[in-house]
Amino acid sequence: MKTIPISFISFILLFFTSSPAQIAENQAIESSIRIQKSQKHIIEIKQLKFIPDYIEVNKGDTITFINNDYVDHDVTEEKTKKWSSSLMKKGNSWSMAAKVDADYYCTLHVIMKGKIRVKK
């Protein structure tokens, strides 16, 4: 008489007892978990610089600019001016959700520049 390993029987039972609906539900849960894992990033404004001045993020991540400088600053998308913060005094911050790659700068101090790269 031939014996069948228990691991093989377990595999067969598991494979045939998972319905397509259960598999789809598990995939939806996994996808939802990935979506919820958006991250928060901080860009500090200090000594007339964005620190860091280059950042790579995922689409939907939150980027917060914090003005820790002694003078006022803003943050504006450079090419088309699609987004811009209000004037930030020392200690103030402004946040945005990353959607696409962007070069940005401070309109008050045009030498201050940075880049956001959104990973595909």
PDB file of N, CA and C in Angstrom:
ATOM      1  N   MET A   1       0.837  -1.175   0.000  1.00  0.00           N
ATOM      2  CA  MET A   1       0.000   0.000   0.000  1.00  0.00           C
ATOM      3  C   MET A   1       0.879   1.234   0.000  1.00  0.00           C
ATOM      4  N   LYS A   2       0.554   2.177  -0.845  1.00  0.00           N
ATOM      5  CA  LYS A   2       1.333   3.408  -0.955  1.00  0.00           C
ATOM      6  C   LYS A   2       0.818   4.411   0.068  1.00  0.00           C
ATOM      7  N   THR A   3       1.746   5.189   0.614  1.00  0.00           N
ATOM      8  CA  THR A   3       1.339   6.234   1.558  1.00  0.00           C
ATOM      9  C   THR A   3       1.497   7.590   0.895  1.00  0.00           C
ATOM     10  N   ILE A   4       0.604   8.491   1.251  1.00  0.00           N
ATOM     11  CA  ILE A   4       0.647   9.853   0.713  1.00  0.00           C
ATOM     12  C   ILE A   4       1.118  10.767   1.837  1.00  0.00           C
ATOM     13  N   PRO A   5       2.147  11.556   1.587  1.00  0.00           N
ATOM     14  CA  PRO A   5       2.648  12.444   2.640  1.00  0.00           C
ATOM     15  C   PRO A   5       1.557  13.408   3.117  1.00  0.00           C
ATOM     16  N   ILE A   6       1.556  13.676   4.394  1.00  0.00           N
ATOM     17  CA  ILE A   6       0.559  14.569   4.991  1.00  0.00           C
ATOM     18  C   ILE A   6       0.653  15.965   4.393  1.00  0.00           C
ATOM     19  N   SER A   7       1.846  16.443   4.088  1.00  0.00           N
ATOM     20  CA  SER A   7       1.989  17.787   3.519  1.00  0.00           C
ATOM     21  C   SER A   7       1.282  17.892   2.171  1.00  0.00           C
ATOM     22  N   PHE A   8       1.322  16.816   1.378  1.00  0.00           N
ATOM     23  CA  PHE A   8       0.639  16.826   0.089  1.00  0.00           C
ATOM     24  C   PHE A   8      -0.875  16.894   0.282  1.00  0.00           C
ATOM     25  N   ILE A   9      -1.381  16.128   1.210  1.00  0.00           N
ATOM     26  CA  ILE A   9      -2.819  16.138   1.494  1.00  0.00           C
ATOM     27  C   ILE A   9      -3.239  17.518   1.998  1.00  0.00           C
ATOM     28  N   SER A  10      -2.436  18.119   2.860  1.00  0.00           N
ATOM     29  CA  SER A  10      -2.743  19.457   3.381  1.00  0.00           C
ATOM     30  C   SER A  10      -2.801  20.472   2.250  1.00  0.00           C
ATOM     31  N   PHE A  11      -1.852  20.379   1.326  1.00  0.00           N
ATOM     32  CA  PHE A  11      -1.829  21.291   0.190  1.00  0.00           C
ATOM     33  C   PHE A  11      -3.102  21.154  -0.645  1.00  0.00           C
ATOM     34  N   ILE A  12      -3.487  19.922  -0.937  1.00  0.00           N
ATOM     35  CA  ILE A  12      -4.682  19.667  -1.745  1.00  0.00           C
ATOM     36  C   ILE A  12      -5.923  20.213  -1.042  1.00  0.00           C
ATOM     37  N   LEU A  13      -6.046  19.972   0.243  1.00  0.00           N
ATOM     38  CA  LEU A  13      -7.206  20.467   0.993  1.00  0.00           C
ATOM     39  C   LEU A  13      -7.250  21.989   0.993  1.00  0.00           C
ATOM     40  N   LEU A  14      -6.117  22.609   1.230  1.00  0.00           N
ATOM     41  CA  LEU A  14      -6.056  24.069   1.267  1.00  0.00           C
ATOM     42  C   LEU A  14      -6.377  24.660  -0.105  1.00  0.00           C
ATOM     43  N   PHE A  15      -5.820  24.058  -1.149  1.00  0.00           N
ATOM     44  CA  PHE A  15      -6.016  24.563  -2.501  1.00  0.00           C
ATOM     45  C   PHE A  15      -7.488  24.495  -2.913  1.00  0.00           C
ATOM     46  N   PHE A  16      -8.126  23.383  -2.625  1.00  0.00           N
ATOM     47  CA  PHE A  16      -9.496  23.197  -3.092  1.00  0.00           C
ATOM     48  C   PHE A  16     -10.551  23.776  -2.152  1.00  0.00           C
ATOM     49  N   THR A  17     -10.167  24.189  -0.967  1.00  0.00           N
ATOM     50  CA  THR A  17     -11.152  24.780  -0.054  1.00  0.00           C
ATOM     51  C   THR A  17     -11.169  26.300  -0.126  1.00  0.00           C
ATOM     52  N   SER A  18     -10.230  26.915  -0.833  1.00  0.00           N
ATOM     53  CA  SER A  18     -10.240  28.374  -1.012  1.00  0.00           C
ATOM     54  C   SER A  18     -11.073  28.706  -2.237  1.00  0.00           C
ATOM     55  N   SER A  19     -12.156  29.405  -2.020  1.00  0.00           N
ATOM     56  CA  SER A  19     -13.028  29.763  -3.137  1.00  0.00           C
ATOM     57  C   SER A  19     -12.468  30.981  -3.862  1.00  0.00           C
ATOM     58  N   PRO A  20     -12.866  31.199  -5.109  1.00  0.00           N
ATOM     59  CA  PRO A  20     -12.431  32.403  -5.828  1.00  0.00           C
ATOM     60  C   PRO A  20     -12.813  33.682  -5.088  1.00  0.00           C
ATOM     61  N   ALA A  21     -13.955  33.669  -4.409  1.00  0.00           N
ATOM     62  CA  ALA A  21     -14.378  34.855  -3.651  1.00  0.00           C
ATOM     63  C   ALA A  21     -13.416  35.135  -2.503  1.00  0.00           C
ATOM     64  N   GLN A  22     -12.963  34.084  -1.819  1.00  0.00           N
ATOM     65  CA  GLN A  22     -12.013  34.263  -0.717  1.00  0.00           C
ATOM     66  C   GLN A  22     -10.678  34.781  -1.239  1.00  0.00           C
ATOM     67  N   ILE A  23     -10.248  34.263  -2.364  1.00  0.00           N
ATOM     68  CA  ILE A  23      -8.987  34.714  -2.955  1.00  0.00           C
ATOM     69  C   ILE A  23      -9.092  36.182  -3.343  1.00  0.00           C
ATOM     70  N   ALA A  24     -10.201  36.576  -3.980  1.00  0.00           N
ATOM     71  CA  ALA A  24     -10.402  37.977  -4.372  1.00  0.00           C
ATOM     72  C   ALA A  24     -10.449  38.879  -3.141  1.00  0.00           C
ATOM     73  N   GLU A  25     -11.105  38.413  -2.086  1.00  0.00           N
ATOM     74  CA  GLU A  25     -11.185  39.205  -0.851  1.00  0.00           C
ATOM     75  C   GLU A  25      -9.793  39.397  -0.246  1.00  0.00           C
ATOM     76  N   ASN A  26      -8.996  38.342  -0.224  1.00  0.00           N
ATOM     77  CA  ASN A  26      -7.630  38.450   0.304  1.00  0.00           C
ATOM     78  C   ASN A  26      -6.790  39.425  -0.517  1.00  0.00           C
ATOM     79  N   GLN A  27      -6.946  39.384  -1.839  1.00  0.00           N
ATOM     80  CA  GLN A  27      -6.200  40.310  -2.692  1.00  0.00           C
ATOM     81  C   GLN A  27      -6.633  41.745  -2.446  1.00  0.00           C
ATOM     82  N   ALA A  28      -7.926  41.977  -2.239  1.00  0.00           N
ATOM     83  CA  ALA A  28      -8.432  43.327  -1.958  1.00  0.00           C
ATOM     84  C   ALA A  28      -7.890  43.839  -0.631  1.00  0.00           C
ATOM     85  N   ILE A  29      -7.829  42.969   0.365  1.00  0.00           N
ATOM     86  CA  ILE A  29      -7.283  43.366   1.669  1.00  0.00           C
ATOM     87  C   ILE A  29      -5.813  43.723   1.537  1.00  0.00           C
ATOM     88  N   GLU A  30      -5.043  42.901   0.818  1.00  0.00           N
ATOM     89  CA  GLU A  30      -3.623  43.186   0.620  1.00  0.00           C
ATOM     90  C   GLU A  30      -3.430  44.512  -0.105  1.00  0.00           C
ATOM     91  N   SER A  31      -4.248  44.778  -1.122  1.00  0.00           N
ATOM     92  CA  SER A  31      -4.163  46.036  -1.862  1.00  0.00           C
ATOM     93  C   SER A  31      -4.486  47.212  -0.955  1.00  0.00           C
ATOM     94  N   SER A  32      -5.501  47.066  -0.130  1.00  0.00           N
ATOM     95  CA  SER A  32      -5.890  48.126   0.804  1.00  0.00           C
ATOM     96  C   SER A  32      -4.768  48.416   1.790  1.00  0.00           C
ATOM     97  N   ILE A  33      -4.116  47.386   2.259  1.00  0.00           N
ATOM     98  CA  ILE A  33      -3.007  47.570   3.200  1.00  0.00           C
ATOM     99  C   ILE A  33      -1.880  48.336   2.527  1.00  0.00           C
ATOM    100  N   ARG A  34      -1.585  48.018   1.268  1.00  0.00           N
ATOM    101  CA  ARG A  34      -0.524  48.740   0.554  1.00  0.00           C
ATOM    102  C   ARG A  34      -0.888  50.210   0.396  1.00  0.00           C
ATOM    103  N   ILE A  35      -2.152  50.504   0.093  1.00  0.00           N
ATOM    104  CA  ILE A  35      -2.594  51.884  -0.092  1.00  0.00           C
ATOM    105  C   ILE A  35      -2.464  52.662   1.207  1.00  0.00           C
ATOM    106  N   GLN A  36      -2.765  52.041   2.330  1.00  0.00           N
ATOM    107  CA  GLN A  36      -2.731  52.718   3.610  1.00  0.00           C
ATOM    108  C   GLN A  36      -1.317  52.997   4.093  1.00  0.00           C
ATOM    109  N   LYS A  37      -0.326  52.443   3.462  1.00  0.00           N
ATOM    110  CA  LYS A  37       1.042  52.614   3.918  1.00  0.00           C
ATOM    111  C   LYS A  37       1.699  53.866   3.360  1.00  0.00           C
ATOM    112  N   SER A  38       0.930  54.910   3.069  1.00  0.00           N
ATOM    113  CA  SER A  38       1.553  56.141   2.601  1.00  0.00           C
ATOM    114  C   SER A  38       2.417  56.693   3.726  1.00  0.00           C
ATOM    115  N   GLN A  39       3.491  57.317   3.343  1.00  0.00           N
ATOM    116  CA  GLN A  39       4.462  57.792   4.321  1.00  0.00           C
ATOM    117  C   GLN A  39       4.436  59.301   4.413  1.00  0.00           C
ATOM    118  N   LYS A  40       5.016  59.798   5.499  1.00  0.00           N
ATOM    119  CA  LYS A  40       5.141  61.235   5.705  1.00  0.00           C
ATOM    120  C   LYS A  40       6.619  61.596   5.619  1.00  0.00           C
ATOM    121  N   HIS A  41       6.900  62.693   4.925  1.00  0.00           N
ATOM    122  CA  HIS A  41       8.269  63.156   4.735  1.00  0.00           C
ATOM    123  C   HIS A  41       8.361  64.611   5.185  1.00  0.00           C
ATOM    124  N   ILE A  42       9.483  64.971   5.757  1.00  0.00           N
ATOM    125  CA  ILE A  42       9.712  66.334   6.231  1.00  0.00           C
ATOM    126  C   ILE A  42      10.821  66.968   5.400  1.00  0.00           C
ATOM    127  N   ILE A  43      10.565  68.180   4.920  1.00  0.00           N
ATOM    128  CA  ILE A  43      11.609  68.994   4.302  1.00  0.00           C
ATOM    129  C   ILE A  43      11.742  70.235   5.164  1.00  0.00           C
ATOM    130  N   GLU A  44      12.919  70.407   5.708  1.00  0.00           N
ATOM    131  CA  GLU A  44      13.179  71.545   6.586  1.00  0.00           C
ATOM    132  C   GLU A  44      13.695  72.723   5.767  1.00  0.00           C
ATOM    133  N   ILE A  45      13.241  73.903   6.113  1.00  0.00           N
ATOM    134  CA  ILE A  45      13.744  75.128   5.487  1.00  0.00           C
ATOM    135  C   ILE A  45      14.626  75.802   6.528  1.00  0.00           C
ATOM    136  N   LYS A  46      15.920  75.917   6.180  1.00  0.00           N
ATOM    137  CA  LYS A  46      16.878  76.449   7.151  1.00  0.00           C
ATOM    138  C   LYS A  46      18.085  77.016   6.408  1.00  0.00           C
ATOM    139  N   GLN A  47      18.555  78.163   6.841  1.00  0.00           N
ATOM    140  CA  GLN A  47      19.737  78.817   6.256  1.00  0.00           C
ATOM    141  C   GLN A  47      19.600  78.972   4.738  1.00  0.00           C
ATOM    142  N   LEU A  48      18.413  79.412   4.326  1.00  0.00           N
ATOM    143  CA  LEU A  48      18.102  79.635   2.908  1.00  0.00           C
ATOM    144  C   LEU A  48      18.292  78.379   2.055  1.00  0.00           C
ATOM    145  N   LYS A  49      17.937  77.212   2.619  1.00  0.00           N
ATOM    146  CA  LYS A  49      18.033  75.938   1.903  1.00  0.00           C
ATOM    147  C   LYS A  49      16.840  75.058   2.246  1.00  0.00           C
ATOM    148  N   PHE A  50      16.487  74.189   1.300  1.00  0.00           N
ATOM    149  CA  PHE A  50      15.545  73.107   1.562  1.00  0.00           C
ATOM    150  C   PHE A  50      16.380  71.886   1.933  1.00  0.00           C
ATOM    151  N   ILE A  51      16.095  71.278   3.071  1.00  0.00           N
ATOM    152  CA  ILE A  51      16.893  70.149   3.549  1.00  0.00           C
ATOM    153  C   ILE A  51      15.964  68.958   3.799  1.00  0.00           C
ATOM    154  N   PRO A  52      16.039  67.893   2.998  1.00  0.00           N
ATOM    155  CA  PRO A  52      16.884  67.735   1.820  1.00  0.00           C
ATOM    156  C   PRO A  52      16.301  68.505   0.633  1.00  0.00           C
ATOM    157  N   ASP A  53      17.145  68.778  -0.348  1.00  0.00           N
ATOM    158  CA  ASP A  53      16.663  69.501  -1.535  1.00  0.00           C
ATOM    159  C   ASP A  53      16.230  68.542  -2.651  1.00  0.00           C
ATOM    160  N   TYR A  54      16.421  67.241  -2.429  1.00  0.00           N
ATOM    161  CA  TYR A  54      15.956  66.212  -3.360  1.00  0.00           C
ATOM    162  C   TYR A  54      15.338  65.096  -2.527  1.00  0.00           C
ATOM    163  N   ILE A  55      14.151  64.673  -2.934  1.00  0.00           N
ATOM    164  CA  ILE A  55      13.474  63.621  -2.182  1.00  0.00           C
ATOM    165  C   ILE A  55      12.731  62.711  -3.145  1.00  0.00           C
ATOM    166  N   GLU A  56      12.771  61.397  -2.873  1.00  0.00           N
ATOM    167  CA  GLU A  56      12.005  60.416  -3.641  1.00  0.00           C
ATOM    168  C   GLU A  56      10.892  59.898  -2.753  1.00  0.00           C
ATOM    169  N   VAL A  57       9.670  59.923  -3.276  1.00  0.00           N
ATOM    170  CA  VAL A  57       8.496  59.520  -2.504  1.00  0.00           C
ATOM    171  C   VAL A  57       7.593  58.648  -3.361  1.00  0.00           C
ATOM    172  N   ASN A  58       6.624  58.035  -2.735  1.00  0.00           N
ATOM    173  CA  ASN A  58       5.591  57.297  -3.462  1.00  0.00           C
ATOM    174  C   ASN A  58       4.403  58.216  -3.702  1.00  0.00           C
ATOM    175  N   LYS A  59       3.670  57.954  -4.750  1.00  0.00           N
ATOM    176  CA  LYS A  59       2.475  58.745  -5.044  1.00  0.00           C
ATOM    177  C   LYS A  59       1.530  58.667  -3.843  1.00  0.00           C
ATOM    178  N   GLY A  60       1.044  59.834  -3.409  1.00  0.00           N
ATOM    179  CA  GLY A  60       0.140  59.895  -2.273  1.00  0.00           C
ATOM    180  C   GLY A  60       0.817  60.153  -0.943  1.00  0.00           C
ATOM    181  N   ASP A  61       2.146  60.033  -0.903  1.00  0.00           N
ATOM    182  CA  ASP A  61       2.860  60.347   0.336  1.00  0.00           C
ATOM    183  C   ASP A  61       2.670  61.821   0.677  1.00  0.00           C
ATOM    184  N   THR A  62       2.727  62.135   1.956  1.00  0.00           N
ATOM    185  CA  THR A  62       2.594  63.514   2.416  1.00  0.00           C
ATOM    186  C   THR A  62       3.976  64.119   2.619  1.00  0.00           C
ATOM    187  N   ILE A  63       4.166  65.300   2.057  1.00  0.00           N
ATOM    188  CA  ILE A  63       5.412  66.045   2.244  1.00  0.00           C
ATOM    189  C   ILE A  63       5.074  67.296   3.042  1.00  0.00           C
ATOM    190  N   THR A  64       5.770  67.494   4.152  1.00  0.00           N
ATOM    191  CA  THR A  64       5.567  68.675   4.985  1.00  0.00           C
ATOM    192  C   THR A  64       6.828  69.522   4.961  1.00  0.00           C
ATOM    193  N   PHE A  65       6.656  70.783   4.604  1.00  0.00           N
ATOM    194  CA  PHE A  65       7.742  71.758   4.618  1.00  0.00           C
ATOM    195  C   PHE A  65       7.634  72.531   5.932  1.00  0.00           C
ATOM    196  N   ILE A  66       8.721  72.586   6.691  1.00  0.00           N
ATOM    197  CA  ILE A  66       8.731  73.302   7.970  1.00  0.00           C
ATOM    198  C   ILE A  66       9.762  74.418   7.898  1.00  0.00           C
ATOM    199  N   ASN A  67       9.322  75.640   8.139  1.00  0.00           N
ATOM    200  CA  ASN A  67      10.238  76.785   8.108  1.00  0.00           C
ATOM    201  C   ASN A  67      10.914  76.937   9.468  1.00  0.00           C
ATOM    202  N   ASN A  68      12.181  76.570   9.533  1.00  0.00           N
ATOM    203  CA  ASN A  68      12.993  76.748  10.733  1.00  0.00           C
ATOM    204  C   ASN A  68      14.042  77.829  10.515  1.00  0.00           C
ATOM    205  N   ASP A  69      13.782  78.709   9.562  1.00  0.00           N
ATOM    206  CA  ASP A  69      14.700  79.802   9.252  1.00  0.00           C
ATOM    207  C   ASP A  69      14.215  81.073   9.954  1.00  0.00           C
ATOM    208  N   TYR A  70      15.060  82.084   9.966  1.00  0.00           N
ATOM    209  CA  TYR A  70      14.704  83.342  10.630  1.00  0.00           C
ATOM    210  C   TYR A  70      13.902  84.281   9.737  1.00  0.00           C
ATOM    211  N   VAL A  71      13.805  83.944   8.454  1.00  0.00           N
ATOM    212  CA  VAL A  71      13.063  84.787   7.512  1.00  0.00           C
ATOM    213  C   VAL A  71      11.885  84.002   6.934  1.00  0.00           C
ATOM    214  N   ASP A  72      10.932  84.723   6.363  1.00  0.00           N
ATOM    215  CA  ASP A  72       9.758  84.096   5.756  1.00  0.00           C
ATOM    216  C   ASP A  72      10.137  83.374   4.462  1.00  0.00           C
ATOM    217  N   HIS A  73       9.384  82.310   4.165  1.00  0.00           N
ATOM    218  CA  HIS A  73       9.584  81.543   2.933  1.00  0.00           C
ATOM    219  C   HIS A  73       8.234  81.060   2.419  1.00  0.00           C
ATOM    220  N   ASP A  74       8.232  80.625   1.169  1.00  0.00           N
ATOM    221  CA  ASP A  74       7.106  79.886   0.614  1.00  0.00           C
ATOM    222  C   ASP A  74       7.676  78.756  -0.224  1.00  0.00           C
ATOM    223  N   VAL A  75       6.801  77.919  -0.756  1.00  0.00           N
ATOM    224  CA  VAL A  75       7.208  76.802  -1.612  1.00  0.00           C
ATOM    225  C   VAL A  75       6.262  76.802  -2.802  1.00  0.00           C
ATOM    226  N   THR A  76       6.825  76.876  -4.019  1.00  0.00           N
ATOM    227  CA  THR A  76       6.007  76.958  -5.229  1.00  0.00           C
ATOM    228  C   THR A  76       6.555  76.010  -6.290  1.00  0.00           C
ATOM    229  N   GLU A  77       5.654  75.281  -6.938  1.00  0.00           N
ATOM    230  CA  GLU A  77       6.053  74.422  -8.053  1.00  0.00           C
ATOM    231  C   GLU A  77       6.584  75.336  -9.149  1.00  0.00           C
ATOM    232  N   GLU A  78       7.752  75.000  -9.677  1.00  0.00           N
ATOM    233  CA  GLU A  78       8.481  75.936 -10.533  1.00  0.00           C
ATOM    234  C   GLU A  78       7.940  76.069 -11.957  1.00  0.00           C
ATOM    235  N   LYS A  79       7.650  74.974 -12.611  1.00  0.00           N
ATOM    236  CA  LYS A  79       7.356  75.017 -14.043  1.00  0.00           C
ATOM    237  C   LYS A  79       6.003  75.661 -14.370  1.00  0.00           C
ATOM    238  N   THR A  80       4.937  75.172 -13.761  1.00  0.00           N
ATOM    239  CA  THR A  80       3.594  75.658 -14.113  1.00  0.00           C
ATOM    240  C   THR A  80       2.878  76.358 -12.961  1.00  0.00           C
ATOM    241  N   LYS A  81       3.524  76.413 -11.815  1.00  0.00           N
ATOM    242  CA  LYS A  81       2.935  77.033 -10.600  1.00  0.00           C
ATOM    243  C   LYS A  81       1.637  76.325 -10.192  1.00  0.00           C
ATOM    244  N   LYS A  82       1.566  74.992 -10.413  1.00  0.00           N
ATOM    245  CA  LYS A  82       0.359  74.225 -10.088  1.00  0.00           C
ATOM    246  C   LYS A  82       0.018  74.286  -8.605  1.00  0.00           C
ATOM    247  N   TRP A  83       1.018  74.371  -7.775  1.00  0.00           N
ATOM    248  CA  TRP A  83       0.766  74.467  -6.338  1.00  0.00           C
ATOM    249  C   TRP A  83       1.742  75.438  -5.697  1.00  0.00           C
ATOM    250  N   SER A  84       1.286  76.029  -4.617  1.00  0.00           N
ATOM    251  CA  SER A  84       2.109  76.994  -3.892  1.00  0.00           C
ATOM    252  C   SER A  84       1.609  77.087  -2.456  1.00  0.00           C
ATOM    253  N   SER A  85       2.545  77.206  -1.547  1.00  0.00           N
ATOM    254  CA  SER A  85       2.162  77.392  -0.145  1.00  0.00           C
ATOM    255  C   SER A  85       1.863  78.861   0.093  1.00  0.00           C
ATOM    256  N   SER A  86       1.299  79.139   1.230  1.00  0.00           N
ATOM    257  CA  SER A  86       1.194  80.535   1.655  1.00  0.00           C
ATOM    258  C   SER A  86       2.537  80.916   2.277  1.00  0.00           C
ATOM    259  N   LEU A  87       2.679  82.159   2.615  1.00  0.00           N
ATOM    260  CA  LEU A  87       3.898  82.632   3.258  1.00  0.00           C
ATOM    261  C   LEU A  87       4.037  81.949   4.617  1.00  0.00           C
ATOM    262  N   MET A  88       5.217  81.389   4.878  1.00  0.00           N
ATOM    263  CA  MET A  88       5.458  80.702   6.146  1.00  0.00           C
ATOM    264  C   MET A  88       6.456  81.486   6.987  1.00  0.00           C
ATOM    265  N   LYS A  89       6.025  81.866   8.153  1.00  0.00           N
ATOM    266  CA  LYS A  89       6.925  82.499   9.111  1.00  0.00           C
ATOM    267  C   LYS A  89       7.673  81.403   9.856  1.00  0.00           C
ATOM    268  N   LYS A  90       8.688  81.781  10.620  1.00  0.00           N
ATOM    269  CA  LYS A  90       9.461  80.803  11.385  1.00  0.00           C
ATOM    270  C   LYS A  90       8.520  79.964  12.257  1.00  0.00           C
ATOM    271  N   GLY A  91       8.701  78.641  12.182  1.00  0.00           N
ATOM    272  CA  GLY A  91       7.892  77.714  12.963  1.00  0.00           C
ATOM    273  C   GLY A  91       6.641  77.229  12.259  1.00  0.00           C
ATOM    274  N   ASN A  92       6.261  77.869  11.164  1.00  0.00           N
ATOM    275  CA  ASN A  92       5.075  77.443  10.416  1.00  0.00           C
ATOM    276  C   ASN A  92       5.428  76.318   9.449  1.00  0.00           C
ATOM    277  N   SER A  93       4.399  75.580   9.039  1.00  0.00           N
ATOM    278  CA  SER A  93       4.611  74.483   8.096  1.00  0.00           C
ATOM    279  C   SER A  93       3.480  74.447   7.077  1.00  0.00           C
ATOM    280  N   TRP A  94       3.714  73.695   6.016  1.00  0.00           N
ATOM    281  CA  TRP A  94       2.728  73.498   4.953  1.00  0.00           C
ATOM    282  C   TRP A  94       2.910  72.088   4.415  1.00  0.00           C
ATOM    283  N   SER A  95       1.802  71.392   4.166  1.00  0.00           N
ATOM    284  CA  SER A  95       1.859  70.007   3.688  1.00  0.00           C
ATOM    285  C   SER A  95       1.134  69.849   2.367  1.00  0.00           C
ATOM    286  N   MET A  96       1.566  68.841   1.623  1.00  0.00           N
ATOM    287  CA  MET A  96       0.943  68.515   0.342  1.00  0.00           C
ATOM    288  C   MET A  96       1.063  67.017   0.102  1.00  0.00           C
ATOM    289  N   ALA A  97       0.184  66.490  -0.743  1.00  0.00           N
ATOM    290  CA  ALA A  97       0.261  65.094  -1.165  1.00  0.00           C
ATOM    291  C   ALA A  97       1.033  65.035  -2.475  1.00  0.00           C
ATOM    292  N   ALA A  98       2.019  64.153  -2.539  1.00  0.00           N
ATOM    293  CA  ALA A  98       2.832  64.018  -3.750  1.00  0.00           C
ATOM    294  C   ALA A  98       2.025  63.313  -4.834  1.00  0.00           C
ATOM    295  N   LYS A  99       1.988  63.925  -6.018  1.00  0.00           N
ATOM    296  CA  LYS A  99       1.248  63.338  -7.138  1.00  0.00           C
ATOM    297  C   LYS A  99       2.155  63.043  -8.327  1.00  0.00           C
ATOM    298  N   VAL A 100       2.988  64.023  -8.682  1.00  0.00           N
ATOM    299  CA  VAL A 100       3.894  63.877  -9.826  1.00  0.00           C
ATOM    300  C   VAL A 100       5.238  64.511  -9.480  1.00  0.00           C
ATOM    301  N   ASP A 101       6.238  64.198 -10.302  1.00  0.00           N
ATOM    302  CA  ASP A 101       7.544  64.835 -10.130  1.00  0.00           C
ATOM    303  C   ASP A 101       7.391  66.348 -10.186  1.00  0.00           C
ATOM    304  N   ALA A 102       8.207  67.047  -9.407  1.00  0.00           N
ATOM    305  CA  ALA A 102       8.114  68.505  -9.416  1.00  0.00           C
ATOM    306  C   ALA A 102       9.426  69.141  -8.980  1.00  0.00           C
ATOM    307  N   ASP A 103       9.777  70.213  -9.669  1.00  0.00           N
ATOM    308  CA  ASP A 103      10.832  71.109  -9.209  1.00  0.00           C
ATOM    309  C   ASP A 103      10.120  72.233  -8.478  1.00  0.00           C
ATOM    310  N   TYR A 104      10.687  72.679  -7.378  1.00  0.00           N
ATOM    311  CA  TYR A 104      10.045  73.746  -6.610  1.00  0.00           C
ATOM    312  C   TYR A 104      11.091  74.752  -6.152  1.00  0.00           C
ATOM    313  N   TYR A 105      10.613  75.917  -5.720  1.00  0.00           N
ATOM    314  CA  TYR A 105      11.523  76.955  -5.251  1.00  0.00           C
ATOM    315  C   TYR A 105      10.787  77.889  -4.306  1.00  0.00           C
ATOM    316  N   CYS A 106      11.536  78.775  -3.670  1.00  0.00           N
ATOM    317  CA  CYS A 106      10.964  79.819  -2.827  1.00  0.00           C
ATOM    318  C   CYS A 106      10.882  81.078  -3.683  1.00  0.00           C
ATOM    319  N   THR A 107       9.689  81.649  -3.839  1.00  0.00           N
ATOM    320  CA  THR A 107       9.545  82.832  -4.695  1.00  0.00           C
ATOM    321  C   THR A 107      10.196  84.069  -4.081  1.00  0.00           C
ATOM    322  N   LEU A 108      10.445  84.036  -2.781  1.00  0.00           N
ATOM    323  CA  LEU A 108      11.093  85.169  -2.114  1.00  0.00           C
ATOM    324  C   LEU A 108      12.616  85.102  -2.216  1.00  0.00           C
ATOM    325  N   HIS A 109      13.138  83.895  -2.373  1.00  0.00           N
ATOM    326  CA  HIS A 109      14.587  83.674  -2.457  1.00  0.00           C
ATOM    327  C   HIS A 109      14.821  82.649  -3.570  1.00  0.00           C
ATOM    328  N   VAL A 110      14.872  83.116  -4.799  1.00  0.00           N
ATOM    329  CA  VAL A 110      14.852  82.218  -5.967  1.00  0.00           C
ATOM    330  C   VAL A 110      16.058  81.293  -6.066  1.00  0.00           C
ATOM    331  N   ILE A 111      17.079  81.526  -5.258  1.00  0.00           N
ATOM    332  CA  ILE A 111      18.218  80.596  -5.247  1.00  0.00           C
ATOM    333  C   ILE A 111      17.871  79.306  -4.502  1.00  0.00           C
ATOM    334  N   MET A 112      16.801  79.337  -3.735  1.00  0.00           N
ATOM    335  CA  MET A 112      16.371  78.151  -2.980  1.00  0.00           C
ATOM    336  C   MET A 112      15.536  77.260  -3.894  1.00  0.00           C
ATOM    337  N   LYS A 113      16.064  76.076  -4.194  1.00  0.00           N
ATOM    338  CA  LYS A 113      15.373  75.166  -5.106  1.00  0.00           C
ATOM    339  C   LYS A 113      15.433  73.744  -4.576  1.00  0.00           C
ATOM    340  N   GLY A 114      14.463  72.944  -5.008  1.00  0.00           N
ATOM    341  CA  GLY A 114      14.436  71.540  -4.637  1.00  0.00           C
ATOM    342  C   GLY A 114      13.701  70.725  -5.681  1.00  0.00           C
ATOM    343  N   LYS A 115      13.732  69.405  -5.498  1.00  0.00           N
ATOM    344  CA  LYS A 115      13.086  68.504  -6.463  1.00  0.00           C
ATOM    345  C   LYS A 115      12.410  67.363  -5.715  1.00  0.00           C
ATOM    346  N   ILE A 116      11.189  67.063  -6.158  1.00  0.00           N
ATOM    347  CA  ILE A 116      10.440  65.912  -5.662  1.00  0.00           C
ATOM    348  C   ILE A 116      10.338  64.917  -6.808  1.00  0.00           C
ATOM    349  N   ARG A 117      10.745  63.680  -6.550  1.00  0.00           N
ATOM    350  CA  ARG A 117      10.595  62.619  -7.549  1.00  0.00           C
ATOM    351  C   ARG A 117       9.595  61.612  -7.000  1.00  0.00           C
ATOM    352  N   VAL A 118       8.538  61.376  -7.762  1.00  0.00           N
ATOM    353  CA  VAL A 118       7.520  60.410  -7.365  1.00  0.00           C
ATOM    354  C   VAL A 118       7.829  59.090  -8.064  1.00  0.00           C
ATOM    355  N   LYS A 119       8.063  58.048  -7.276  1.00  0.00           N
ATOM    356  CA  LYS A 119       8.391  56.732  -7.826  1.00  0.00           C
ATOM    357  C   LYS A 119       7.195  56.166  -8.571  1.00  0.00           C
ATOM    358  N   LYS A 120       7.475  55.490  -9.655  1.00  0.00           N
ATOM    359  CA  LYS A 120       6.407  54.895 -10.481  1.00  0.00           C
ATOM    360  C   LYS A 120       6.035  53.542  -9.942  1.00  0.00           C
TER     361      LYS A 120
END
